[in-house]
Amino acid sequence: MDRRQQRVAAFLSGADPNWNYITIFRSTQDLESMLQKDLDLTTAEVVGRLNKDWGANMRAYDEGHEHMLMFADALTAGITRQFPERFK
């Protein structure tokens, strides 16, 4: 994981002092792993496309799409829990 990814993970985990109640994020390292997985899936998608391996391209896209939806749901849960008065 490069320094930028570590900074993003540190920012996200520091944005909500109670963020670790989200079950998929037990530590900043979990967040870093999720960011790395996103990069790995994006890379696999690009490699599949460059190699004209459309099956690999679509599998990586589909898995990446599901991964980001799960990630977005977790972040949304954290935001709504931190600011419940804004989501009535």
N, C-alpha and C. Protein backbone atom coordinates (compact mmCIF):
# COMPACT_ATOMS: atom_id res chain seq x y z
N MET A 1 0.85 -1.17 0.00
CA MET A 1 0.00 0.00 0.00
C MET A 1 0.90 1.23 0.00
N ASP A 2 0.57 2.15 -0.87
CA ASP A 2 1.42 3.35 -0.92
C ASP A 2 0.96 4.39 0.09
N ARG A 3 1.76 5.40 0.23
CA ARG A 3 1.53 6.44 1.25
C ARG A 3 0.19 7.16 1.06
N ARG A 4 -0.21 7.37 -0.19
CA ARG A 4 -1.49 8.06 -0.44
C ARG A 4 -2.66 7.24 0.08
N GLN A 5 -2.62 5.93 -0.16
CA GLN A 5 -3.69 5.07 0.33
C GLN A 5 -3.73 5.08 1.85
N GLN A 6 -2.58 5.08 2.48
CA GLN A 6 -2.53 5.13 3.94
C GLN A 6 -3.13 6.43 4.45
N ARG A 7 -2.86 7.53 3.75
CA ARG A 7 -3.42 8.82 4.17
C ARG A 7 -4.93 8.83 4.01
N VAL A 8 -5.44 8.26 2.91
CA VAL A 8 -6.90 8.20 2.71
C VAL A 8 -7.53 7.36 3.81
N ALA A 9 -6.94 6.21 4.11
CA ALA A 9 -7.48 5.35 5.17
C ALA A 9 -7.43 6.06 6.52
N ALA A 10 -6.35 6.76 6.78
CA ALA A 10 -6.25 7.49 8.05
C ALA A 10 -7.29 8.59 8.12
N PHE A 11 -7.52 9.29 7.01
CA PHE A 11 -8.54 10.34 6.98
C PHE A 11 -9.92 9.75 7.24
N LEU A 12 -10.27 8.69 6.51
CA LEU A 12 -11.60 8.10 6.67
C LEU A 12 -11.80 7.55 8.07
N SER A 13 -10.80 6.89 8.61
CA SER A 13 -10.97 6.34 9.95
C SER A 13 -10.97 7.43 11.01
N GLY A 14 -10.32 8.57 10.74
CA GLY A 14 -10.31 9.67 11.69
C GLY A 14 -11.50 10.60 11.56
N ALA A 15 -12.25 10.49 10.46
CA ALA A 15 -13.38 11.38 10.23
C ALA A 15 -14.53 11.12 11.20
N ASP A 16 -14.63 9.91 11.69
CA ASP A 16 -15.69 9.54 12.63
C ASP A 16 -15.02 8.87 13.83
N PRO A 17 -15.04 9.51 14.98
CA PRO A 17 -14.35 8.94 16.15
C PRO A 17 -14.91 7.58 16.57
N ASN A 18 -16.11 7.26 16.13
CA ASN A 18 -16.72 5.98 16.49
C ASN A 18 -16.86 5.06 15.29
N TRP A 19 -16.00 5.22 14.29
CA TRP A 19 -16.14 4.50 13.02
C TRP A 19 -16.03 2.99 13.16
N ASN A 20 -15.34 2.50 14.17
CA ASN A 20 -15.09 1.06 14.22
C ASN A 20 -16.31 0.23 14.62
N TYR A 21 -17.47 0.86 14.86
CA TYR A 21 -18.68 0.08 15.09
C TYR A 21 -19.18 -0.55 13.79
N ILE A 22 -18.69 -0.05 12.65
CA ILE A 22 -19.06 -0.66 11.37
C ILE A 22 -18.31 -1.99 11.30
N THR A 23 -19.02 -3.08 11.24
CA THR A 23 -18.42 -4.39 11.46
C THR A 23 -17.31 -4.75 10.47
N ILE A 24 -17.32 -4.19 9.28
CA ILE A 24 -16.27 -4.55 8.33
C ILE A 24 -14.98 -3.78 8.58
N PHE A 25 -15.04 -2.73 9.39
CA PHE A 25 -13.86 -1.94 9.70
C PHE A 25 -13.49 -2.13 11.17
N ARG A 26 -12.60 -3.05 11.44
CA ARG A 26 -12.18 -3.25 12.81
C ARG A 26 -10.91 -2.46 13.12
N SER A 27 -10.24 -2.02 12.08
CA SER A 27 -8.99 -1.28 12.26
C SER A 27 -8.72 -0.44 11.02
N THR A 28 -7.78 0.47 11.15
CA THR A 28 -7.37 1.25 9.99
C THR A 28 -6.79 0.33 8.92
N GLN A 29 -6.17 -0.76 9.33
CA GLN A 29 -5.63 -1.72 8.36
C GLN A 29 -6.75 -2.36 7.53
N ASP A 30 -7.92 -2.59 8.14
CA ASP A 30 -9.06 -3.11 7.37
C ASP A 30 -9.45 -2.12 6.28
N LEU A 31 -9.46 -0.86 6.63
CA LEU A 31 -9.78 0.18 5.66
C LEU A 31 -8.73 0.22 4.55
N GLU A 32 -7.46 0.13 4.93
CA GLU A 32 -6.39 0.11 3.94
C GLU A 32 -6.54 -1.10 3.01
N SER A 33 -6.90 -2.24 3.57
CA SER A 33 -7.09 -3.45 2.77
C SER A 33 -8.22 -3.27 1.76
N MET A 34 -9.29 -2.62 2.20
CA MET A 34 -10.41 -2.40 1.29
C MET A 34 -10.01 -1.46 0.15
N LEU A 35 -9.25 -0.43 0.46
CA LEU A 35 -8.78 0.47 -0.58
C LEU A 35 -7.84 -0.25 -1.54
N GLN A 36 -6.98 -1.12 -1.01
CA GLN A 36 -6.08 -1.89 -1.86
C GLN A 36 -6.87 -2.83 -2.77
N LYS A 37 -7.90 -3.47 -2.22
CA LYS A 37 -8.72 -4.37 -3.02
C LYS A 37 -9.36 -3.62 -4.18
N ASP A 38 -9.83 -2.41 -3.93
CA ASP A 38 -10.40 -1.61 -5.00
C ASP A 38 -9.37 -1.36 -6.10
N LEU A 39 -8.16 -1.00 -5.71
CA LEU A 39 -7.11 -0.79 -6.71
C LEU A 39 -6.77 -2.07 -7.46
N ASP A 40 -6.72 -3.19 -6.75
CA ASP A 40 -6.42 -4.47 -7.39
C ASP A 40 -7.49 -4.84 -8.42
N LEU A 41 -8.75 -4.62 -8.06
CA LEU A 41 -9.84 -4.94 -8.99
C LEU A 41 -9.84 -4.01 -10.20
N THR A 42 -9.55 -2.75 -9.95
CA THR A 42 -9.47 -1.81 -11.08
C THR A 42 -8.32 -2.20 -12.00
N THR A 43 -7.20 -2.59 -11.42
CA THR A 43 -6.06 -3.04 -12.23
C THR A 43 -6.42 -4.28 -13.04
N ALA A 44 -7.09 -5.24 -12.41
CA ALA A 44 -7.50 -6.46 -13.12
C ALA A 44 -8.45 -6.13 -14.27
N GLU A 45 -9.32 -5.18 -14.05
CA GLU A 45 -10.25 -4.77 -15.11
C GLU A 45 -9.48 -4.19 -16.29
N VAL A 46 -8.54 -3.31 -16.01
CA VAL A 46 -7.74 -2.69 -17.08
C VAL A 46 -6.90 -3.73 -17.80
N VAL A 47 -6.28 -4.63 -17.06
CA VAL A 47 -5.45 -5.67 -17.69
C VAL A 47 -6.30 -6.55 -18.59
N GLY A 48 -7.47 -6.94 -18.11
CA GLY A 48 -8.38 -7.72 -18.94
C GLY A 48 -8.75 -7.00 -20.22
N ARG A 49 -9.02 -5.72 -20.10
CA ARG A 49 -9.38 -4.93 -21.27
C ARG A 49 -8.21 -4.81 -22.23
N LEU A 50 -7.02 -4.51 -21.71
CA LEU A 50 -5.84 -4.38 -22.57
C LEU A 50 -5.52 -5.68 -23.29
N ASN A 51 -5.76 -6.82 -22.61
CA ASN A 51 -5.51 -8.12 -23.22
C ASN A 51 -6.68 -8.64 -24.04
N LYS A 52 -7.72 -7.83 -24.13
CA LYS A 52 -8.95 -8.20 -24.84
C LYS A 52 -9.54 -9.50 -24.29
N ASP A 53 -9.35 -9.68 -22.99
CA ASP A 53 -9.95 -10.80 -22.27
C ASP A 53 -11.22 -10.26 -21.62
N TRP A 54 -12.28 -10.23 -22.43
CA TRP A 54 -13.51 -9.55 -22.01
C TRP A 54 -14.15 -10.23 -20.81
N GLY A 55 -14.00 -11.55 -20.69
CA GLY A 55 -14.54 -12.24 -19.53
C GLY A 55 -13.86 -11.78 -18.25
N ALA A 56 -12.53 -11.71 -18.26
CA ALA A 56 -11.78 -11.24 -17.08
C ALA A 56 -12.10 -9.78 -16.80
N ASN A 57 -12.23 -9.00 -17.86
CA ASN A 57 -12.58 -7.59 -17.70
C ASN A 57 -13.91 -7.44 -16.99
N MET A 58 -14.91 -8.18 -17.43
CA MET A 58 -16.24 -8.05 -16.84
C MET A 58 -16.30 -8.64 -15.43
N ARG A 59 -15.59 -9.75 -15.19
CA ARG A 59 -15.57 -10.31 -13.83
C ARG A 59 -14.98 -9.31 -12.85
N ALA A 60 -13.87 -8.68 -13.25
CA ALA A 60 -13.23 -7.69 -12.37
C ALA A 60 -14.15 -6.48 -12.18
N TYR A 61 -14.81 -6.05 -13.27
CA TYR A 61 -15.74 -4.92 -13.15
C TYR A 61 -16.87 -5.27 -12.18
N ASP A 62 -17.48 -6.44 -12.37
CA ASP A 62 -18.60 -6.84 -11.52
C ASP A 62 -18.18 -6.95 -10.05
N GLU A 63 -17.05 -7.57 -9.80
CA GLU A 63 -16.58 -7.70 -8.42
C GLU A 63 -16.24 -6.34 -7.83
N GLY A 64 -15.62 -5.48 -8.64
CA GLY A 64 -15.29 -4.13 -8.18
C GLY A 64 -16.54 -3.32 -7.88
N HIS A 65 -17.55 -3.48 -8.73
CA HIS A 65 -18.81 -2.77 -8.52
C HIS A 65 -19.45 -3.20 -7.20
N GLU A 66 -19.53 -4.51 -6.97
CA GLU A 66 -20.08 -5.01 -5.71
C GLU A 66 -19.28 -4.53 -4.51
N HIS A 67 -17.97 -4.56 -4.66
CA HIS A 67 -17.08 -4.13 -3.57
C HIS A 67 -17.33 -2.66 -3.23
N MET A 68 -17.43 -1.81 -4.22
CA MET A 68 -17.62 -0.39 -3.96
C MET A 68 -19.01 -0.10 -3.41
N LEU A 69 -20.02 -0.86 -3.82
CA LEU A 69 -21.35 -0.68 -3.23
C LEU A 69 -21.32 -1.02 -1.73
N MET A 70 -20.63 -2.11 -1.38
CA MET A 70 -20.50 -2.49 0.02
C MET A 70 -19.73 -1.42 0.79
N PHE A 71 -18.66 -0.92 0.20
CA PHE A 71 -17.84 0.11 0.82
C PHE A 71 -18.68 1.38 1.02
N ALA A 72 -19.43 1.76 -0.01
CA ALA A 72 -20.28 2.95 0.09
C ALA A 72 -21.35 2.78 1.16
N ASP A 73 -21.94 1.59 1.24
CA ASP A 73 -22.95 1.34 2.28
C ASP A 73 -22.35 1.48 3.68
N ALA A 74 -21.13 0.97 3.86
CA ALA A 74 -20.48 1.07 5.16
C ALA A 74 -20.19 2.53 5.51
N LEU A 75 -19.70 3.29 4.55
CA LEU A 75 -19.42 4.70 4.81
C LEU A 75 -20.71 5.48 5.08
N THR A 76 -21.75 5.15 4.34
CA THR A 76 -23.05 5.80 4.55
C THR A 76 -23.59 5.49 5.94
N ALA A 77 -23.45 4.25 6.37
CA ALA A 77 -23.89 3.89 7.72
C ALA A 77 -23.14 4.70 8.77
N GLY A 78 -21.86 4.89 8.56
CA GLY A 78 -21.08 5.68 9.50
C GLY A 78 -21.50 7.14 9.53
N ILE A 79 -21.76 7.70 8.36
CA ILE A 79 -22.17 9.11 8.29
C ILE A 79 -23.53 9.30 8.94
N THR A 80 -24.48 8.41 8.64
CA THR A 80 -25.82 8.58 9.22
C THR A 80 -25.81 8.32 10.72
N ARG A 81 -24.93 7.47 11.19
CA ARG A 81 -24.85 7.24 12.64
C ARG A 81 -24.18 8.42 13.34
N GLN A 82 -23.20 9.03 12.69
CA GLN A 82 -22.51 10.17 13.30
C GLN A 82 -23.40 11.41 13.32
N PHE A 83 -24.26 11.57 12.31
CA PHE A 83 -25.10 12.76 12.20
C PHE A 83 -26.58 12.37 12.05
N PRO A 84 -27.17 11.68 13.02
CA PRO A 84 -28.54 11.18 12.87
C PRO A 84 -29.57 12.28 12.67
N GLU A 85 -29.32 13.44 13.25
CA GLU A 85 -30.29 14.54 13.14
C GLU A 85 -30.43 15.03 11.69
N ARG A 86 -29.47 14.76 10.86
CA ARG A 86 -29.52 15.21 9.45
C ARG A 86 -30.21 14.19 8.55
N PHE A 87 -30.56 13.03 9.09
CA PHE A 87 -31.15 11.95 8.27
C PHE A 87 -32.43 11.44 8.88
N LYS A 88 -33.33 12.35 9.22
CA LYS A 88 -34.62 11.95 9.79
C LYS A 88 -35.64 11.76 8.71
